[in-house]
Structure formats: structure tokens, C-alpha cells
Amino acid sequence: MRAPYRPAPAARRALRKLGEDIREARLRRNLPMEVVAERASTSRSTLARVEKGDPGVGLGVLAGVLQALGLLGRLADLADSALDAEGLEINRQTLRQRASTPRRPGRAEDD
């Protein structure tokens, strides 16, 4: 039997915070676990795992819970390339400094 996936400590902290934030959002909306679980098409025990930041909960379940709370749109923007400051900086640094017209094949260089 395979050992369960165990993410790095930073990932575990992020998942725990996400779970706490989801729980807080549910409580602010005054929604019982049963209602959110039903709207997310999951069980109450799985919702409890989401709220605890369990890394074994599937992404589909997480998306269902966020949708039930009206927070799904933010999931879609989580890794938006337009908001990836590091990736954009790397891209900017690797851009060519000059643009040139492509040479046509078979043409001599000193035409």
C-alpha cells in the first residue's frame, strides 16, 4: 500500500489557512455544514476535512465547496498567468533586445 501524500510544511500551512478561511466564510454566511455539504455534492465529513486543510481532499470537492459559498471565481484566478509577477519578470528579462527581419533562404548576406 502506498504511503499517503504528505506536502511540504509551507503547503500544509497554506492548506490549513485555506480551510480556516472556508470555515469562516461558511460561518459568516450562517450556513450549517449540512447545507454547504449538500450544495457541494459531498458529505459533511468531507467538508470537515476541507475546513481542516486536509491535503487528501480532491480539487473537485474543494471547487464544489467554494461554489457553494460563492467563492469559485477566485479559484479560477489562483494561478492566472497575467498575475504571475515572477513569470512576467522572467519573460521580460528574456525578451530580445532588438527585433530583426528574418532573412530569406538562399539570399547572400551582402546583397
N, C-alpha and C. Protein backbone atom coordinates (compact mmCIF):
# COMPACT_ATOMS: atom_id res chain seq x y z
N MET A 1 0.84 -1.19 0.00
CA MET A 1 0.00 0.00 0.00
C MET A 1 0.89 1.25 0.00
N ARG A 2 0.51 2.21 -0.83
CA ARG A 2 1.26 3.44 -0.94
C ARG A 2 1.06 4.33 0.27
N ALA A 3 2.11 5.03 0.66
CA ALA A 3 2.00 5.99 1.76
C ALA A 3 1.21 7.20 1.29
N PRO A 4 0.41 7.81 2.16
CA PRO A 4 -0.36 8.99 1.75
C PRO A 4 0.57 10.15 1.41
N TYR A 5 0.10 10.97 0.50
CA TYR A 5 0.86 12.15 0.09
C TYR A 5 1.02 13.09 1.28
N ARG A 6 2.22 13.55 1.48
CA ARG A 6 2.50 14.49 2.57
C ARG A 6 3.22 15.71 1.99
N PRO A 7 2.48 16.81 1.82
CA PRO A 7 3.10 18.00 1.23
C PRO A 7 4.11 18.65 2.17
N ALA A 8 4.89 19.54 1.63
CA ALA A 8 5.88 20.30 2.40
C ALA A 8 5.18 21.14 3.47
N PRO A 9 5.90 21.50 4.53
CA PRO A 9 5.29 22.28 5.61
C PRO A 9 4.61 23.57 5.13
N ALA A 10 5.22 24.29 4.21
CA ALA A 10 4.61 25.53 3.72
C ALA A 10 3.28 25.25 3.02
N ALA A 11 3.22 24.16 2.28
CA ALA A 11 1.97 23.79 1.60
C ALA A 11 0.91 23.38 2.62
N ARG A 12 1.32 22.66 3.66
CA ARG A 12 0.37 22.27 4.71
C ARG A 12 -0.20 23.51 5.42
N ARG A 13 0.67 24.50 5.69
CA ARG A 13 0.20 25.73 6.33
C ARG A 13 -0.80 26.46 5.43
N ALA A 14 -0.50 26.51 4.14
CA ALA A 14 -1.40 27.19 3.20
C ALA A 14 -2.75 26.47 3.13
N LEU A 15 -2.73 25.14 3.11
CA LEU A 15 -3.98 24.39 3.09
C LEU A 15 -4.78 24.57 4.38
N ARG A 16 -4.07 24.61 5.50
CA ARG A 16 -4.73 24.81 6.78
C ARG A 16 -5.40 26.19 6.81
N LYS A 17 -4.69 27.21 6.32
CA LYS A 17 -5.27 28.56 6.28
C LYS A 17 -6.47 28.61 5.33
N LEU A 18 -6.35 27.95 4.19
CA LEU A 18 -7.47 27.90 3.25
C LEU A 18 -8.69 27.26 3.91
N GLY A 19 -8.47 26.16 4.61
CA GLY A 19 -9.57 25.51 5.31
C GLY A 19 -10.20 26.41 6.37
N GLU A 20 -9.37 27.11 7.12
CA GLU A 20 -9.88 28.03 8.14
C GLU A 20 -10.68 29.16 7.50
N ASP A 21 -10.19 29.66 6.37
CA ASP A 21 -10.89 30.73 5.66
C ASP A 21 -12.24 30.25 5.13
N ILE A 22 -12.27 29.02 4.64
CA ILE A 22 -13.53 28.45 4.14
C ILE A 22 -14.52 28.31 5.29
N ARG A 23 -14.04 27.82 6.43
CA ARG A 23 -14.91 27.67 7.60
C ARG A 23 -15.45 29.03 8.02
N GLU A 24 -14.58 30.03 8.06
CA GLU A 24 -15.01 31.38 8.45
C GLU A 24 -16.05 31.93 7.47
N ALA A 25 -15.84 31.71 6.17
CA ALA A 25 -16.80 32.16 5.16
C ALA A 25 -18.15 31.48 5.37
N ARG A 26 -18.13 30.20 5.68
CA ARG A 26 -19.38 29.46 5.93
C ARG A 26 -20.10 30.02 7.15
N LEU A 27 -19.35 30.28 8.21
CA LEU A 27 -19.97 30.80 9.44
C LEU A 27 -20.49 32.22 9.25
N ARG A 28 -19.77 33.04 8.49
CA ARG A 28 -20.25 34.40 8.21
C ARG A 28 -21.59 34.37 7.48
N ARG A 29 -21.74 33.39 6.64
CA ARG A 29 -22.99 33.24 5.87
C ARG A 29 -24.07 32.53 6.68
N ASN A 30 -23.70 32.14 7.90
CA ASN A 30 -24.62 31.46 8.81
C ASN A 30 -25.19 30.18 8.18
N LEU A 31 -24.28 29.44 7.51
CA LEU A 31 -24.68 28.20 6.85
C LEU A 31 -24.17 27.00 7.64
N PRO A 32 -25.06 26.08 7.97
CA PRO A 32 -24.61 24.86 8.65
C PRO A 32 -23.82 23.97 7.69
N MET A 33 -22.98 23.13 8.25
CA MET A 33 -22.16 22.23 7.43
C MET A 33 -23.02 21.37 6.51
N GLU A 34 -24.15 20.91 7.00
CA GLU A 34 -25.02 20.04 6.21
C GLU A 34 -25.47 20.73 4.93
N VAL A 35 -25.81 22.01 5.02
CA VAL A 35 -26.30 22.75 3.85
C VAL A 35 -25.18 22.93 2.84
N VAL A 36 -24.00 23.35 3.29
CA VAL A 36 -22.87 23.56 2.37
C VAL A 36 -22.46 22.24 1.75
N ALA A 37 -22.40 21.17 2.55
CA ALA A 37 -22.03 19.86 2.02
C ALA A 37 -23.02 19.41 0.95
N GLU A 38 -24.31 19.62 1.19
CA GLU A 38 -25.31 19.23 0.20
C GLU A 38 -25.17 20.04 -1.08
N ARG A 39 -24.96 21.35 -0.95
CA ARG A 39 -24.79 22.21 -2.12
C ARG A 39 -23.53 21.86 -2.90
N ALA A 40 -22.52 21.36 -2.20
CA ALA A 40 -21.25 20.99 -2.84
C ALA A 40 -21.25 19.54 -3.30
N SER A 41 -22.36 18.86 -3.13
CA SER A 41 -22.49 17.43 -3.50
C SER A 41 -21.42 16.57 -2.84
N THR A 42 -21.24 16.79 -1.55
CA THR A 42 -20.28 15.99 -0.79
C THR A 42 -20.88 15.70 0.58
N SER A 43 -20.11 15.02 1.40
CA SER A 43 -20.60 14.68 2.74
C SER A 43 -20.14 15.71 3.76
N ARG A 44 -20.79 15.69 4.90
CA ARG A 44 -20.41 16.59 5.99
C ARG A 44 -18.98 16.29 6.45
N SER A 45 -18.63 15.02 6.50
CA SER A 45 -17.28 14.65 6.97
C SER A 45 -16.21 15.13 5.98
N THR A 46 -16.51 15.11 4.69
CA THR A 46 -15.56 15.62 3.70
C THR A 46 -15.43 17.13 3.82
N LEU A 47 -16.54 17.81 4.06
CA LEU A 47 -16.48 19.26 4.28
C LEU A 47 -15.63 19.56 5.51
N ALA A 48 -15.77 18.76 6.56
CA ALA A 48 -14.95 18.95 7.76
C ALA A 48 -13.46 18.80 7.41
N ARG A 49 -13.13 17.85 6.55
CA ARG A 49 -11.74 17.67 6.11
C ARG A 49 -11.25 18.88 5.32
N VAL A 50 -12.11 19.44 4.48
CA VAL A 50 -11.76 20.65 3.73
C VAL A 50 -11.44 21.77 4.71
N GLU A 51 -12.30 21.95 5.70
CA GLU A 51 -12.13 23.03 6.67
C GLU A 51 -10.91 22.83 7.57
N LYS A 52 -10.42 21.62 7.66
CA LYS A 52 -9.19 21.36 8.42
C LYS A 52 -7.94 21.46 7.56
N GLY A 53 -8.13 21.62 6.26
CA GLY A 53 -6.99 21.74 5.34
C GLY A 53 -6.36 20.41 5.00
N ASP A 54 -7.13 19.35 4.99
CA ASP A 54 -6.64 18.01 4.68
C ASP A 54 -6.14 17.97 3.23
N PRO A 55 -4.84 17.64 3.02
CA PRO A 55 -4.30 17.62 1.65
C PRO A 55 -4.84 16.49 0.79
N GLY A 56 -5.55 15.54 1.39
CA GLY A 56 -6.09 14.42 0.63
C GLY A 56 -7.42 14.71 -0.02
N VAL A 57 -8.01 15.86 0.26
CA VAL A 57 -9.30 16.21 -0.33
C VAL A 57 -9.07 16.60 -1.79
N GLY A 58 -9.91 16.10 -2.67
CA GLY A 58 -9.76 16.36 -4.10
C GLY A 58 -10.08 17.80 -4.47
N LEU A 59 -9.44 18.23 -5.54
CA LEU A 59 -9.64 19.59 -6.03
C LEU A 59 -11.10 19.82 -6.46
N GLY A 60 -11.73 18.79 -6.99
CA GLY A 60 -13.13 18.92 -7.39
C GLY A 60 -14.04 19.19 -6.20
N VAL A 61 -13.75 18.53 -5.08
CA VAL A 61 -14.53 18.77 -3.87
C VAL A 61 -14.31 20.20 -3.39
N LEU A 62 -13.06 20.62 -3.38
CA LEU A 62 -12.75 21.99 -2.97
C LEU A 62 -13.49 22.99 -3.86
N ALA A 63 -13.49 22.77 -5.16
CA ALA A 63 -14.20 23.66 -6.08
C ALA A 63 -15.70 23.67 -5.78
N GLY A 64 -16.26 22.52 -5.47
CA GLY A 64 -17.69 22.45 -5.13
C GLY A 64 -18.01 23.23 -3.87
N VAL A 65 -17.16 23.15 -2.87
CA VAL A 65 -17.37 23.88 -1.62
C VAL A 65 -17.26 25.39 -1.88
N LEU A 66 -16.26 25.80 -2.64
CA LEU A 66 -16.10 27.22 -2.96
C LEU A 66 -17.31 27.73 -3.74
N GLN A 67 -17.83 26.91 -4.65
CA GLN A 67 -19.02 27.31 -5.40
C GLN A 67 -20.21 27.46 -4.48
N ALA A 68 -20.36 26.55 -3.55
CA ALA A 68 -21.48 26.60 -2.60
C ALA A 68 -21.42 27.87 -1.75
N LEU A 69 -20.23 28.41 -1.56
CA LEU A 69 -20.06 29.63 -0.77
C LEU A 69 -19.99 30.89 -1.63
N GLY A 70 -20.07 30.74 -2.96
CA GLY A 70 -19.99 31.88 -3.85
C GLY A 70 -18.58 32.41 -4.05
N LEU A 71 -17.58 31.55 -3.85
CA LEU A 71 -16.18 31.96 -3.95
C LEU A 71 -15.43 31.29 -5.10
N LEU A 72 -16.13 30.63 -5.99
CA LEU A 72 -15.48 29.85 -7.03
C LEU A 72 -14.65 30.69 -8.00
N GLY A 73 -15.07 31.89 -8.30
CA GLY A 73 -14.35 32.74 -9.25
C GLY A 73 -12.91 32.98 -8.85
N ARG A 74 -12.65 33.06 -7.58
CA ARG A 74 -11.29 33.30 -7.10
C ARG A 74 -10.40 32.10 -7.34
N LEU A 75 -10.97 30.90 -7.37
CA LEU A 75 -10.17 29.70 -7.64
C LEU A 75 -9.64 29.74 -9.07
N ALA A 76 -10.47 30.19 -9.99
CA ALA A 76 -10.06 30.25 -11.40
C ALA A 76 -8.90 31.21 -11.61
N ASP A 77 -8.76 32.20 -10.74
CA ASP A 77 -7.69 33.19 -10.89
C ASP A 77 -6.44 32.86 -10.07
N LEU A 78 -6.46 31.75 -9.39
CA LEU A 78 -5.38 31.40 -8.47
C LEU A 78 -4.00 31.41 -9.13
N ALA A 79 -3.87 30.83 -10.29
CA ALA A 79 -2.58 30.78 -10.98
C ALA A 79 -2.63 31.51 -12.31
N ASP A 80 -3.43 32.58 -12.37
CA ASP A 80 -3.59 33.36 -13.60
C ASP A 80 -2.22 33.88 -14.06
N SER A 81 -1.85 33.55 -15.28
CA SER A 81 -0.53 33.94 -15.79
C SER A 81 -0.37 35.46 -15.87
N ALA A 82 -1.46 36.18 -16.01
CA ALA A 82 -1.38 37.64 -16.06
C ALA A 82 -1.03 38.23 -14.70
N LEU A 83 -1.23 37.46 -13.64
CA LEU A 83 -0.93 37.93 -12.28
C LEU A 83 0.35 37.32 -11.73
N ASP A 84 1.07 36.57 -12.54
CA ASP A 84 2.30 35.88 -12.13
C ASP A 84 3.48 36.83 -12.25
N ALA A 85 3.73 37.61 -11.21
CA ALA A 85 4.78 38.63 -11.26
C ALA A 85 6.15 38.02 -11.56
N GLU A 86 6.48 36.91 -10.96
CA GLU A 86 7.79 36.29 -11.19
C GLU A 86 7.92 35.80 -12.64
N GLY A 87 6.90 35.13 -13.13
CA GLY A 87 6.92 34.66 -14.51
C GLY A 87 6.99 35.79 -15.51
N LEU A 88 6.26 36.86 -15.24
CA LEU A 88 6.30 38.03 -16.14
C LEU A 88 7.68 38.68 -16.13
N GLU A 89 8.32 38.73 -14.96
CA GLU A 89 9.66 39.31 -14.88
C GLU A 89 10.66 38.46 -15.65
N ILE A 90 10.58 37.14 -15.51
CA ILE A 90 11.47 36.24 -16.25
C ILE A 90 11.26 36.43 -17.75
N ASN A 91 10.01 36.51 -18.15
CA ASN A 91 9.68 36.73 -19.56
C ASN A 91 10.26 38.05 -20.06
N ARG A 92 10.14 39.10 -19.25
CA ARG A 92 10.66 40.41 -19.63
C ARG A 92 12.17 40.36 -19.79
N GLN A 93 12.85 39.65 -18.89
CA GLN A 93 14.31 39.58 -18.93
C GLN A 93 14.82 38.78 -20.12
N THR A 94 14.03 37.85 -20.62
CA THR A 94 14.49 37.01 -21.72
C THR A 94 14.05 37.52 -23.09
N LEU A 95 13.36 38.65 -23.11
CA LEU A 95 12.97 39.22 -24.40
C LEU A 95 14.20 39.67 -25.17
N ARG A 96 14.13 39.55 -26.47
CA ARG A 96 15.24 40.01 -27.32
C ARG A 96 15.35 41.52 -27.18
N GLN A 97 16.56 42.01 -27.26
CA GLN A 97 16.80 43.45 -27.15
C GLN A 97 16.50 44.18 -28.46
N ARG A 98 16.63 43.47 -29.57
CA ARG A 98 16.38 44.08 -30.88
C ARG A 98 15.53 43.13 -31.71
N ALA A 99 14.73 43.72 -32.55
CA ALA A 99 13.94 42.94 -33.49
C ALA A 99 14.62 43.03 -34.85
N SER A 100 14.59 41.96 -35.60
CA SER A 100 15.20 41.98 -36.94
C SER A 100 14.27 41.27 -37.91
N THR A 101 14.43 41.62 -39.16
CA THR A 101 13.64 40.99 -40.21
C THR A 101 14.26 39.63 -40.52
N PRO A 102 13.44 38.59 -40.59
CA PRO A 102 14.00 37.27 -40.91
C PRO A 102 14.62 37.27 -42.30
N ARG A 103 15.72 36.60 -42.43
CA ARG A 103 16.39 36.50 -43.75
C ARG A 103 15.67 35.48 -44.60
N ARG A 104 15.62 35.75 -45.89
CA ARG A 104 15.03 34.78 -46.81
C ARG A 104 16.07 33.75 -47.16
N PRO A 105 15.68 32.50 -47.28
CA PRO A 105 16.65 31.45 -47.61
C PRO A 105 17.26 31.68 -48.99
N GLY A 106 18.56 31.37 -49.12
CA GLY A 106 19.25 31.45 -50.39
C GLY A 106 19.74 32.83 -50.75
N ARG A 107 19.52 33.79 -49.93
CA ARG A 107 19.95 35.14 -50.21
C ARG A 107 21.36 35.37 -49.68
N ALA A 108 22.19 36.01 -50.42
CA ALA A 108 23.55 36.31 -49.98
C ALA A 108 23.49 37.40 -48.94
N GLU A 109 24.44 37.38 -48.01
CA GLU A 109 24.42 38.34 -46.92
C GLU A 109 24.78 39.74 -47.36
N ASP A 110 25.58 39.90 -48.41
CA ASP A 110 25.96 41.26 -48.80
C ASP A 110 25.26 41.71 -50.07
N ASP A 111 23.99 41.47 -50.20
CA ASP A 111 23.19 41.95 -51.35
C ASP A 111 23.01 43.42 -51.28
